[in-house]
Amino acid sequence: MMRKKAKTGGKDRARPDYYAKKAKKEHFPARSVYKLSEIQEKYKVIKPGDTVLDLGCAPGSWLKYAAKIAGKGGKVIGVDIKPADVDPSANMFIFREDINDMSPEAWQVIDQGVDAVLSDMAPSTTGRKDVDAARSEQLCEMALYVADRALRPGGSFVCKIFQGPGFKAFSDSVKARFKTMKIFKPSGCRKESREIYIIGTGKKQEE
């Protein structure tokens, strides 16, 4: 007698979905590119000629997409401890290092100023929602620190965060620094995921 398979409560994550198949077809290393493309379409966080900083850039989908939008007149700086699986273009600069301990060489490039800071960083998950949310918030605070330091007035900030106890405090911090702050969940996010994006546009001039 055959036993019925237990319900998993959702779609098998190992099975390629629509976005994963599309990413492979369009030669992007990960499905996450469609989250950024939806954000870009809605909020125009990157403009041609911009200098863009991509924190946690591996495997490289956001890096490749941002480089295309910034164009020949712009440049994209990627930072990640893991390697990016993309062919570097002329306007792409990649630092393979820990964003929590970036080298003077990386800071020298970043400190020249950027027009957009993107962070799709996520912690290694433990399965404990409180722990994972706290680790996500730490990464977000680091991304915001970099934006405080390097983002030019009028610039944009995109940051992924896991929803948890510190979510409101972090979103309020972004709201205080930007003319507009939005909370957005792209359709490319998996339904069961607790990730969401905080988007700041129009960085305020420091007094």
N, C-alpha and C. Protein backbone atom coordinates (compact mmCIF):
# COMPACT_ATOMS: atom_id res chain seq x y z
N MET A 1 0.84 -1.20 0.00
CA MET A 1 0.00 0.00 0.00
C MET A 1 0.87 1.25 0.00
N MET A 2 0.64 2.14 -0.95
CA MET A 2 1.45 3.36 -1.07
C MET A 2 1.00 4.41 -0.06
N ARG A 3 1.98 5.03 0.55
CA ARG A 3 1.68 6.10 1.48
C ARG A 3 1.59 7.43 0.75
N LYS A 4 0.68 8.27 1.22
CA LYS A 4 0.58 9.59 0.64
C LYS A 4 1.74 10.44 1.11
N LYS A 5 2.24 11.29 0.23
CA LYS A 5 3.31 12.19 0.60
C LYS A 5 2.78 13.27 1.53
N ALA A 6 3.57 13.56 2.55
CA ALA A 6 3.17 14.61 3.48
C ALA A 6 3.18 15.95 2.80
N LYS A 7 2.23 16.79 3.16
CA LYS A 7 2.19 18.13 2.59
C LYS A 7 3.33 18.96 3.15
N THR A 8 3.95 19.73 2.29
CA THR A 8 5.09 20.54 2.71
C THR A 8 4.67 21.94 3.10
N GLY A 9 3.42 22.30 2.83
CA GLY A 9 2.95 23.64 3.20
C GLY A 9 3.35 24.70 2.20
N GLY A 10 3.87 24.30 1.07
CA GLY A 10 4.24 25.29 0.07
C GLY A 10 4.95 24.63 -1.09
N LYS A 11 5.29 25.43 -2.05
CA LYS A 11 5.96 24.94 -3.25
C LYS A 11 7.37 24.46 -2.92
N ASP A 12 7.81 23.43 -3.56
CA ASP A 12 9.16 22.91 -3.36
C ASP A 12 10.16 23.96 -3.81
N ARG A 13 10.97 24.47 -2.84
CA ARG A 13 11.92 25.54 -3.15
C ARG A 13 13.01 25.08 -4.10
N ALA A 14 13.27 23.77 -4.16
CA ALA A 14 14.32 23.25 -5.03
C ALA A 14 13.89 23.26 -6.49
N ARG A 15 12.60 23.34 -6.72
CA ARG A 15 12.10 23.33 -8.10
C ARG A 15 12.18 24.74 -8.68
N PRO A 16 12.82 24.89 -9.84
CA PRO A 16 12.93 26.22 -10.44
C PRO A 16 11.55 26.83 -10.69
N ASP A 17 11.34 28.05 -10.23
CA ASP A 17 10.07 28.72 -10.46
C ASP A 17 10.18 29.62 -11.68
N TYR A 18 9.14 30.40 -11.92
CA TYR A 18 9.10 31.28 -13.09
C TYR A 18 10.29 32.21 -13.14
N TYR A 19 10.60 32.87 -12.01
CA TYR A 19 11.68 33.85 -12.00
C TYR A 19 13.05 33.19 -12.16
N ALA A 20 13.23 32.02 -11.57
CA ALA A 20 14.50 31.30 -11.70
C ALA A 20 14.74 30.89 -13.16
N LYS A 21 13.70 30.41 -13.80
CA LYS A 21 13.81 30.02 -15.21
C LYS A 21 14.10 31.23 -16.09
N LYS A 22 13.43 32.35 -15.78
CA LYS A 22 13.62 33.58 -16.55
C LYS A 22 15.04 34.09 -16.39
N ALA A 23 15.57 34.04 -15.16
CA ALA A 23 16.94 34.50 -14.90
C ALA A 23 17.94 33.67 -15.69
N LYS A 24 17.74 32.38 -15.74
CA LYS A 24 18.64 31.51 -16.49
C LYS A 24 18.57 31.83 -17.98
N LYS A 25 17.37 32.06 -18.47
CA LYS A 25 17.19 32.38 -19.89
C LYS A 25 17.83 33.71 -20.26
N GLU A 26 17.77 34.67 -19.33
CA GLU A 26 18.30 36.00 -19.61
C GLU A 26 19.73 36.19 -19.08
N HIS A 27 20.35 35.09 -18.68
CA HIS A 27 21.77 35.05 -18.30
C HIS A 27 22.09 35.88 -17.06
N PHE A 28 21.22 35.79 -16.06
CA PHE A 28 21.50 36.37 -14.75
C PHE A 28 21.74 35.21 -13.79
N PRO A 29 22.70 35.36 -12.86
CA PRO A 29 23.03 34.23 -11.97
C PRO A 29 21.98 33.92 -10.91
N ALA A 30 21.02 34.81 -10.67
CA ALA A 30 20.01 34.54 -9.65
C ALA A 30 18.71 35.27 -9.97
N ARG A 31 17.61 34.72 -9.45
CA ARG A 31 16.27 35.27 -9.67
C ARG A 31 16.07 36.63 -8.99
N SER A 32 16.95 36.98 -8.06
CA SER A 32 16.82 38.23 -7.31
C SER A 32 16.86 39.47 -8.19
N VAL A 33 17.36 39.32 -9.40
CA VAL A 33 17.43 40.48 -10.32
C VAL A 33 16.05 41.09 -10.55
N TYR A 34 15.00 40.26 -10.52
CA TYR A 34 13.66 40.77 -10.83
C TYR A 34 13.06 41.55 -9.66
N LYS A 35 13.61 41.36 -8.47
CA LYS A 35 13.22 42.21 -7.34
C LYS A 35 13.74 43.63 -7.58
N LEU A 36 15.02 43.71 -7.97
CA LEU A 36 15.61 45.03 -8.23
C LEU A 36 14.97 45.69 -9.44
N SER A 37 14.69 44.93 -10.48
CA SER A 37 14.10 45.52 -11.68
C SER A 37 12.71 46.09 -11.38
N GLU A 38 11.97 45.42 -10.49
CA GLU A 38 10.65 45.92 -10.11
C GLU A 38 10.78 47.19 -9.26
N ILE A 39 11.76 47.19 -8.37
CA ILE A 39 12.04 48.39 -7.56
C ILE A 39 12.46 49.55 -8.46
N GLN A 40 13.32 49.27 -9.41
CA GLN A 40 13.80 50.29 -10.33
C GLN A 40 12.66 50.86 -11.17
N GLU A 41 11.80 49.99 -11.65
CA GLU A 41 10.67 50.44 -12.47
C GLU A 41 9.73 51.35 -11.68
N LYS A 42 9.56 51.05 -10.41
CA LYS A 42 8.62 51.79 -9.58
C LYS A 42 9.22 53.06 -8.97
N TYR A 43 10.49 53.00 -8.56
CA TYR A 43 11.07 54.12 -7.81
C TYR A 43 12.25 54.83 -8.48
N LYS A 44 12.75 54.27 -9.60
CA LYS A 44 13.86 54.90 -10.35
C LYS A 44 15.04 55.22 -9.42
N VAL A 45 15.53 54.21 -8.73
CA VAL A 45 16.61 54.41 -7.77
C VAL A 45 17.97 54.56 -8.44
N ILE A 46 18.09 54.12 -9.69
CA ILE A 46 19.35 54.24 -10.45
C ILE A 46 19.08 55.03 -11.72
N LYS A 47 19.98 55.96 -12.01
CA LYS A 47 19.85 56.77 -13.23
C LYS A 47 21.10 56.58 -14.09
N PRO A 48 20.97 56.75 -15.40
CA PRO A 48 22.14 56.66 -16.27
C PRO A 48 23.22 57.63 -15.79
N GLY A 49 24.46 57.13 -15.72
CA GLY A 49 25.56 57.96 -15.28
C GLY A 49 25.83 57.89 -13.78
N ASP A 50 24.98 57.20 -13.04
CA ASP A 50 25.14 57.10 -11.59
C ASP A 50 26.33 56.22 -11.20
N THR A 51 26.86 56.49 -10.01
CA THR A 51 27.78 55.58 -9.36
C THR A 51 26.98 54.81 -8.31
N VAL A 52 26.97 53.50 -8.43
CA VAL A 52 26.13 52.64 -7.59
C VAL A 52 26.99 51.72 -6.76
N LEU A 53 26.65 51.59 -5.49
CA LEU A 53 27.34 50.66 -4.59
C LEU A 53 26.41 49.51 -4.27
N ASP A 54 26.84 48.29 -4.57
CA ASP A 54 26.06 47.07 -4.34
C ASP A 54 26.71 46.28 -3.22
N LEU A 55 26.12 46.33 -2.04
CA LEU A 55 26.65 45.61 -0.89
C LEU A 55 26.09 44.20 -0.84
N GLY A 56 26.98 43.23 -0.70
CA GLY A 56 26.54 41.83 -0.75
C GLY A 56 26.19 41.45 -2.17
N CYS A 57 27.09 41.78 -3.10
CA CYS A 57 26.75 41.71 -4.53
C CYS A 57 26.68 40.30 -5.11
N ALA A 58 27.29 39.31 -4.45
CA ALA A 58 27.26 37.94 -4.99
C ALA A 58 25.83 37.39 -4.98
N PRO A 59 25.45 36.59 -5.96
CA PRO A 59 26.27 36.08 -7.05
C PRO A 59 26.42 37.05 -8.24
N GLY A 60 25.76 38.21 -8.21
CA GLY A 60 26.04 39.20 -9.23
C GLY A 60 24.88 39.71 -10.05
N SER A 61 23.67 39.24 -9.78
CA SER A 61 22.52 39.66 -10.58
C SER A 61 22.25 41.16 -10.45
N TRP A 62 22.25 41.69 -9.21
CA TRP A 62 22.01 43.12 -9.02
C TRP A 62 23.16 43.93 -9.62
N LEU A 63 24.36 43.42 -9.48
CA LEU A 63 25.54 44.08 -10.02
C LEU A 63 25.42 44.25 -11.53
N LYS A 64 25.07 43.17 -12.20
CA LYS A 64 24.94 43.18 -13.66
C LYS A 64 23.81 44.09 -14.12
N TYR A 65 22.68 44.02 -13.42
CA TYR A 65 21.52 44.85 -13.78
C TYR A 65 21.84 46.33 -13.56
N ALA A 66 22.45 46.65 -12.42
CA ALA A 66 22.76 48.05 -12.10
C ALA A 66 23.77 48.62 -13.08
N ALA A 67 24.74 47.81 -13.49
CA ALA A 67 25.74 48.26 -14.46
C ALA A 67 25.09 48.61 -15.80
N LYS A 68 24.09 47.84 -16.17
CA LYS A 68 23.37 48.10 -17.42
C LYS A 68 22.61 49.42 -17.34
N ILE A 69 21.95 49.69 -16.20
CA ILE A 69 21.19 50.93 -16.04
C ILE A 69 22.12 52.14 -15.95
N ALA A 70 23.21 52.01 -15.18
CA ALA A 70 24.15 53.13 -15.01
C ALA A 70 24.83 53.47 -16.34
N GLY A 71 25.07 52.46 -17.15
CA GLY A 71 25.63 52.69 -18.48
C GLY A 71 27.10 53.04 -18.49
N LYS A 72 27.60 53.36 -19.66
CA LYS A 72 29.03 53.65 -19.83
C LYS A 72 29.48 54.88 -19.04
N GLY A 73 28.57 55.81 -18.84
CA GLY A 73 28.91 57.02 -18.10
C GLY A 73 28.89 56.84 -16.60
N GLY A 74 28.43 55.69 -16.12
CA GLY A 74 28.35 55.44 -14.69
C GLY A 74 29.27 54.30 -14.30
N LYS A 75 29.20 53.90 -13.04
CA LYS A 75 29.97 52.75 -12.60
C LYS A 75 29.27 52.08 -11.42
N VAL A 76 29.56 50.80 -11.25
CA VAL A 76 28.96 50.03 -10.17
C VAL A 76 30.09 49.38 -9.37
N ILE A 77 30.04 49.57 -8.06
CA ILE A 77 31.03 49.02 -7.16
C ILE A 77 30.36 47.90 -6.37
N GLY A 78 30.89 46.70 -6.45
CA GLY A 78 30.33 45.57 -5.73
C GLY A 78 31.24 45.14 -4.60
N VAL A 79 30.65 44.77 -3.48
CA VAL A 79 31.43 44.28 -2.34
C VAL A 79 30.76 43.01 -1.80
N ASP A 80 31.54 41.94 -1.68
CA ASP A 80 31.02 40.70 -1.09
C ASP A 80 32.20 39.79 -0.77
N ILE A 81 32.07 39.04 0.30
CA ILE A 81 33.11 38.09 0.66
C ILE A 81 33.10 36.89 -0.27
N LYS A 82 31.95 36.67 -0.94
CA LYS A 82 31.82 35.58 -1.91
C LYS A 82 32.08 36.10 -3.32
N PRO A 83 32.50 35.25 -4.24
CA PRO A 83 32.75 35.69 -5.61
C PRO A 83 31.47 35.96 -6.38
N ALA A 84 31.51 36.95 -7.25
CA ALA A 84 30.37 37.26 -8.13
C ALA A 84 30.51 36.45 -9.41
N ASP A 85 29.42 35.82 -9.81
CA ASP A 85 29.43 34.96 -10.99
C ASP A 85 28.98 35.73 -12.22
N VAL A 86 29.71 36.80 -12.55
CA VAL A 86 29.41 37.60 -13.73
C VAL A 86 30.71 37.97 -14.42
N ASP A 87 30.61 38.25 -15.70
CA ASP A 87 31.76 38.77 -16.44
C ASP A 87 31.83 40.26 -16.21
N PRO A 88 32.91 40.75 -15.56
CA PRO A 88 33.00 42.18 -15.26
C PRO A 88 32.97 43.03 -16.52
N SER A 89 32.20 44.10 -16.49
CA SER A 89 32.15 45.05 -17.59
C SER A 89 33.08 46.21 -17.27
N ALA A 90 33.27 47.11 -18.22
CA ALA A 90 34.20 48.22 -18.05
C ALA A 90 33.79 49.16 -16.93
N ASN A 91 32.48 49.19 -16.62
CA ASN A 91 31.99 50.11 -15.58
C ASN A 91 31.71 49.40 -14.26
N MET A 92 32.34 48.21 -14.06
CA MET A 92 32.08 47.39 -12.88
C MET A 92 33.37 47.17 -12.10
N PHE A 93 33.31 47.42 -10.79
CA PHE A 93 34.46 47.23 -9.92
C PHE A 93 34.03 46.37 -8.73
N ILE A 94 34.73 45.27 -8.51
CA ILE A 94 34.32 44.32 -7.48
C ILE A 94 35.42 44.14 -6.45
N PHE A 95 35.04 44.30 -5.17
CA PHE A 95 35.95 44.05 -4.06
C PHE A 95 35.47 42.80 -3.34
N ARG A 96 36.32 41.80 -3.29
CA ARG A 96 35.95 40.57 -2.60
C ARG A 96 36.44 40.66 -1.16
N GLU A 97 35.61 41.16 -0.30
CA GLU A 97 35.97 41.32 1.10
C GLU A 97 34.73 41.46 1.97
N ASP A 98 34.94 41.37 3.26
CA ASP A 98 33.87 41.45 4.25
C ASP A 98 33.43 42.89 4.41
N ILE A 99 32.16 43.17 4.24
CA ILE A 99 31.70 44.57 4.34
C ILE A 99 31.84 45.12 5.75
N ASN A 100 31.94 44.23 6.74
CA ASN A 100 32.14 44.69 8.12
C ASN A 100 33.59 45.05 8.41
N ASP A 101 34.46 44.75 7.49
CA ASP A 101 35.89 45.04 7.68
C ASP A 101 36.53 45.34 6.33
N MET A 102 35.99 46.36 5.66
CA MET A 102 36.48 46.69 4.32
C MET A 102 37.86 47.32 4.36
N SER A 103 38.63 47.04 3.34
CA SER A 103 40.00 47.53 3.26
C SER A 103 40.03 49.03 2.98
N PRO A 104 41.14 49.68 3.29
CA PRO A 104 41.30 51.09 2.95
C PRO A 104 41.14 51.35 1.45
N GLU A 105 41.55 50.35 0.64
CA GLU A 105 41.43 50.51 -0.82
C GLU A 105 39.96 50.59 -1.24
N ALA A 106 39.12 49.75 -0.63
CA ALA A 106 37.69 49.78 -0.96
C ALA A 106 37.07 51.09 -0.50
N TRP A 107 37.39 51.50 0.73
CA TRP A 107 36.84 52.75 1.26
C TRP A 107 37.29 53.95 0.43
N GLN A 108 38.49 53.89 -0.08
CA GLN A 108 38.99 55.00 -0.89
C GLN A 108 38.12 55.22 -2.13
N VAL A 109 37.68 54.11 -2.72
CA VAL A 109 36.80 54.20 -3.90
C VAL A 109 35.39 54.64 -3.48
N ILE A 110 34.87 54.03 -2.41
CA ILE A 110 33.51 54.33 -1.96
C ILE A 110 33.39 55.77 -1.47
N ASP A 111 34.41 56.23 -0.77
CA ASP A 111 34.37 57.57 -0.18
C ASP A 111 34.41 58.70 -1.20
N GLN A 112 34.64 58.36 -2.45
CA GLN A 112 34.56 59.38 -3.50
C GLN A 112 33.11 59.81 -3.73
N GLY A 113 32.17 59.04 -3.20
CA GLY A 113 30.76 59.37 -3.29
C GLY A 113 30.01 58.49 -4.26
N VAL A 114 28.79 58.11 -3.87
CA VAL A 114 27.94 57.27 -4.73
C VAL A 114 26.55 57.89 -4.79
N ASP A 115 25.80 57.51 -5.82
CA ASP A 115 24.44 58.04 -6.03
C ASP A 115 23.36 57.07 -5.56
N ALA A 116 23.73 55.83 -5.36
CA ALA A 116 22.77 54.83 -4.88
C ALA A 116 23.51 53.76 -4.09
N VAL A 117 22.94 53.37 -2.97
CA VAL A 117 23.46 52.24 -2.19
C VAL A 117 22.40 51.15 -2.20
N LEU A 118 22.78 49.98 -2.68
CA LEU A 118 21.88 48.84 -2.75
C LEU A 118 22.37 47.76 -1.81
N SER A 119 21.48 47.17 -1.04
CA SER A 119 21.86 46.06 -0.17
C SER A 119 20.80 44.96 -0.24
N ASP A 120 21.20 43.84 -0.81
CA ASP A 120 20.35 42.66 -0.83
C ASP A 120 20.92 41.62 0.13
N MET A 121 21.69 42.11 1.09
CA MET A 121 22.37 41.21 2.03
C MET A 121 21.37 40.47 2.91
N ALA A 122 21.71 39.24 3.20
CA ALA A 122 20.90 38.43 4.12
C ALA A 122 21.84 37.57 4.95
N PRO A 123 21.51 37.35 6.21
CA PRO A 123 22.38 36.53 7.06
C PRO A 123 22.20 35.04 6.76
N SER A 124 23.16 34.26 7.21
CA SER A 124 22.96 32.81 7.18
C SER A 124 21.85 32.50 8.17
N THR A 125 20.79 31.89 7.70
CA THR A 125 19.62 31.69 8.55
C THR A 125 19.78 30.49 9.48
N THR A 126 19.17 30.61 10.65
CA THR A 126 19.25 29.56 11.67
C THR A 126 17.95 28.80 11.82
N GLY A 127 16.86 29.37 11.27
CA GLY A 127 15.55 28.78 11.46
C GLY A 127 14.81 29.42 12.63
N ARG A 128 15.53 30.18 13.44
CA ARG A 128 14.91 30.93 14.54
C ARG A 128 14.62 32.34 14.06
N LYS A 129 13.36 32.68 13.98
CA LYS A 129 12.97 33.96 13.39
C LYS A 129 13.55 35.16 14.13
N ASP A 130 13.62 35.08 15.46
CA ASP A 130 14.15 36.21 16.22
C ASP A 130 15.63 36.41 15.97
N VAL A 131 16.37 35.32 15.91
CA VAL A 131 17.81 35.40 15.66
C VAL A 131 18.09 35.89 14.24
N ASP A 132 17.36 35.33 13.28
CA ASP A 132 17.56 35.72 11.88
C ASP A 132 17.22 37.19 11.66
N ALA A 133 16.14 37.66 12.29
CA ALA A 133 15.75 39.06 12.16
C ALA A 133 16.81 39.98 12.77
N ALA A 134 17.35 39.59 13.92
CA ALA A 134 18.39 40.41 14.58
C ALA A 134 19.64 40.48 13.71
N ARG A 135 20.02 39.37 13.10
CA ARG A 135 21.20 39.37 12.23
C ARG A 135 20.96 40.21 10.98
N SER A 136 19.75 40.13 10.45
CA SER A 136 19.40 40.94 9.29
C SER A 136 19.48 42.43 9.63
N GLU A 137 18.98 42.79 10.81
CA GLU A 137 19.01 44.19 11.23
C GLU A 137 20.44 44.71 11.36
N GLN A 138 21.36 43.86 11.81
CA GLN A 138 22.76 44.25 11.92
C GLN A 138 23.35 44.58 10.56
N LEU A 139 23.02 43.76 9.57
CA LEU A 139 23.49 44.02 8.21
C LEU A 139 22.89 45.31 7.67
N CYS A 140 21.63 45.54 7.97
CA CYS A 140 20.96 46.76 7.51
C CYS A 140 21.59 48.00 8.14
N GLU A 141 21.94 47.91 9.41
CA GLU A 141 22.59 49.04 10.09
C GLU A 141 23.93 49.35 9.43
N MET A 142 24.65 48.30 9.02
CA MET A 142 25.92 48.51 8.34
C MET A 142 25.70 49.19 7.00
N ALA A 143 24.68 48.75 6.27
CA ALA A 143 24.37 49.35 4.97
C ALA A 143 24.01 50.83 5.14
N LEU A 144 23.26 51.14 6.19
CA LEU A 144 22.86 52.53 6.43
C LEU A 144 24.06 53.37 6.85
N TYR A 145 24.98 52.78 7.60
CA TYR A 145 26.22 53.47 7.96
C TYR A 145 27.00 53.86 6.71
N VAL A 146 27.09 52.93 5.78
CA VAL A 146 27.80 53.21 4.51
C VAL A 146 27.08 54.32 3.75
N ALA A 147 25.75 54.27 3.73
CA ALA A 147 24.97 55.31 3.05
C ALA A 147 25.19 56.66 3.70
N ASP A 148 25.23 56.70 5.03
CA ASP A 148 25.51 57.95 5.74
C ASP A 148 26.86 58.51 5.33
N ARG A 149 27.81 57.63 5.15
CA ARG A 149 29.18 58.04 4.87
C ARG A 149 29.42 58.43 3.41
N ALA A 150 28.82 57.70 2.49
CA ALA A 150 29.21 57.84 1.09
C ALA A 150 28.12 58.33 0.14
N LEU A 151 26.85 58.24 0.54
CA LEU A 151 25.76 58.58 -0.38
C LEU A 151 25.61 60.09 -0.53
N ARG A 152 25.59 60.53 -1.77
CA ARG A 152 25.47 61.96 -2.05
C ARG A 152 24.05 62.45 -1.77
N PRO A 153 23.90 63.75 -1.46
CA PRO A 153 22.56 64.33 -1.29
C PRO A 153 21.71 64.07 -2.53
N GLY A 154 20.46 63.66 -2.30
CA GLY A 154 19.57 63.33 -3.41
C GLY A 154 19.64 61.87 -3.82
N GLY A 155 20.58 61.13 -3.24
CA GLY A 155 20.78 59.74 -3.62
C GLY A 155 19.72 58.80 -3.08
N SER A 156 19.82 57.52 -3.52
CA SER A 156 18.82 56.51 -3.18
C SER A 156 19.43 55.37 -2.37
N PHE A 157 18.57 54.72 -1.58
CA PHE A 157 18.99 53.63 -0.70
C PHE A 157 17.96 52.51 -0.80
N VAL A 158 18.43 51.31 -1.07
CA VAL A 158 17.56 50.13 -1.14
C VAL A 158 18.14 49.08 -0.22
N CYS A 159 17.34 48.58 0.71
CA CYS A 159 17.87 47.65 1.70
C CYS A 159 16.86 46.55 2.03
N LYS A 160 17.31 45.31 1.92
CA LYS A 160 16.46 44.18 2.31
C LYS A 160 16.58 43.95 3.82
N ILE A 161 15.45 43.68 4.45
CA ILE A 161 15.44 43.41 5.88
C ILE A 161 14.42 42.32 6.18
N PHE A 162 14.74 41.47 7.16
CA PHE A 162 13.78 40.49 7.65
C PHE A 162 12.92 41.17 8.71
N GLN A 163 11.64 41.05 8.60
CA GLN A 163 10.76 41.71 9.54
C GLN A 163 10.88 41.10 10.93
N GLY A 164 11.09 41.98 11.91
CA GLY A 164 11.26 41.55 13.29
C GLY A 164 11.06 42.71 14.23
N PRO A 165 11.42 42.57 15.51
CA PRO A 165 11.21 43.62 16.50
C PRO A 165 11.88 44.95 16.16
N GLY A 166 13.02 44.91 15.47
CA GLY A 166 13.74 46.14 15.16
C GLY A 166 13.35 46.79 13.85
N PHE A 167 12.35 46.23 13.18
CA PHE A 167 11.97 46.73 11.85
C PHE A 167 11.55 48.20 11.87
N LYS A 168 10.67 48.57 12.79
CA LYS A 168 10.16 49.94 12.83
C LYS A 168 11.27 50.95 13.14
N ALA A 169 12.14 50.59 14.08
CA ALA A 169 13.22 51.50 14.44
C ALA A 169 14.13 51.75 13.24
N PHE A 170 14.41 50.69 12.48
CA PHE A 170 15.28 50.86 11.31
C PHE A 170 14.58 51.67 10.22
N SER A 171 13.31 51.36 9.96
CA SER A 171 12.59 52.11 8.92
C SER A 171 12.47 53.58 9.31
N ASP A 172 12.33 53.86 10.60
CA ASP A 172 12.28 55.25 11.07
C ASP A 172 13.63 55.95 10.85
N SER A 173 14.72 55.20 11.02
CA SER A 173 16.05 55.77 10.77
C SER A 173 16.22 56.16 9.31
N VAL A 174 15.71 55.30 8.42
CA VAL A 174 15.78 55.62 6.98
C VAL A 174 14.90 56.83 6.68
N LYS A 175 13.71 56.85 7.26
CA LYS A 175 12.76 57.94 7.03
C LYS A 175 13.36 59.29 7.44
N ALA A 176 14.15 59.30 8.50
CA ALA A 176 14.75 60.54 8.99
C ALA A 176 15.83 61.07 8.05
N ARG A 177 16.40 60.20 7.23
CA ARG A 177 17.52 60.59 6.39
C ARG A 177 17.13 60.91 4.95
N PHE A 178 15.93 60.51 4.55
CA PHE A 178 15.52 60.65 3.16
C PHE A 178 14.20 61.42 3.05
N LYS A 179 14.04 62.09 1.93
CA LYS A 179 12.81 62.86 1.72
C LYS A 179 11.61 61.92 1.62
N THR A 180 11.84 60.73 1.03
CA THR A 180 10.77 59.76 0.89
C THR A 180 11.25 58.39 1.33
N MET A 181 10.46 57.68 2.12
CA MET A 181 10.76 56.32 2.53
C MET A 181 9.56 55.44 2.21
N LYS A 182 9.82 54.33 1.53
CA LYS A 182 8.75 53.41 1.18
C LYS A 182 9.12 52.00 1.64
N ILE A 183 8.11 51.22 1.97
CA ILE A 183 8.28 49.81 2.30
C ILE A 183 7.62 49.02 1.17
N PHE A 184 8.37 48.10 0.59
CA PHE A 184 7.89 47.47 -0.64
C PHE A 184 8.31 46.00 -0.68
N LYS A 185 7.39 45.14 -1.09
CA LYS A 185 7.70 43.73 -1.28
C LYS A 185 7.48 43.38 -2.74
N PRO A 186 8.56 43.24 -3.51
CA PRO A 186 8.42 42.90 -4.93
C PRO A 186 7.73 41.55 -5.14
N SER A 187 7.10 41.41 -6.27
CA SER A 187 6.40 40.15 -6.56
C SER A 187 7.38 38.99 -6.69
N GLY A 188 8.67 39.30 -6.91
CA GLY A 188 9.68 38.25 -7.01
C GLY A 188 10.02 37.61 -5.68
N CYS A 189 9.61 38.21 -4.57
CA CYS A 189 9.86 37.61 -3.25
C CYS A 189 8.97 36.39 -3.08
N ARG A 190 9.49 35.36 -2.52
CA ARG A 190 8.68 34.17 -2.26
C ARG A 190 7.63 34.49 -1.20
N LYS A 191 6.46 33.96 -1.35
CA LYS A 191 5.34 34.28 -0.46
C LYS A 191 5.65 33.96 1.00
N GLU A 192 6.39 32.87 1.22
CA GLU A 192 6.67 32.47 2.61
C GLU A 192 7.80 33.27 3.24
N SER A 193 8.49 34.07 2.43
CA SER A 193 9.64 34.82 2.94
C SER A 193 9.21 36.02 3.78
N ARG A 194 9.99 36.30 4.83
CA ARG A 194 9.74 37.44 5.70
C ARG A 194 10.55 38.66 5.25
N GLU A 195 11.24 38.53 4.13
CA GLU A 195 12.04 39.65 3.64
C GLU A 195 11.15 40.74 3.04
N ILE A 196 11.59 41.96 3.19
CA ILE A 196 10.90 43.11 2.61
C ILE A 196 11.96 44.17 2.36
N TYR A 197 11.65 45.13 1.52
CA TYR A 197 12.64 46.15 1.15
C TYR A 197 12.22 47.53 1.65
N ILE A 198 13.20 48.22 2.20
CA ILE A 198 13.02 49.61 2.61
C ILE A 198 13.75 50.46 1.59
N ILE A 199 13.03 51.43 1.04
CA ILE A 199 13.58 52.25 -0.05
C ILE A 199 13.54 53.72 0.35
N GLY A 200 14.69 54.33 0.37
CA GLY A 200 14.79 55.75 0.64
C GLY A 200 15.22 56.49 -0.60
N THR A 201 14.53 57.55 -0.96
CA THR A 201 14.92 58.34 -2.12
C THR A 201 15.05 59.80 -1.71
N GLY A 202 16.01 60.48 -2.34
CA GLY A 202 16.24 61.88 -2.02
C GLY A 202 16.93 62.07 -0.69
N LYS A 203 18.18 61.59 -0.59
CA LYS A 203 18.90 61.74 0.67
C LYS A 203 18.98 63.21 1.04
N LYS A 204 18.67 63.50 2.29
CA LYS A 204 18.67 64.87 2.75
C LYS A 204 20.07 65.43 2.89
N GLN A 205 20.21 66.72 2.64
CA GLN A 205 21.49 67.39 2.81
C GLN A 205 21.81 67.46 4.31
N GLU A 206 23.03 67.13 4.66
CA GLU A 206 23.41 67.20 6.07
C GLU A 206 23.49 68.66 6.50
N GLU A 207 22.99 68.94 7.71
CA GLU A 207 23.01 70.31 8.20
C GLU A 207 24.38 70.65 8.79
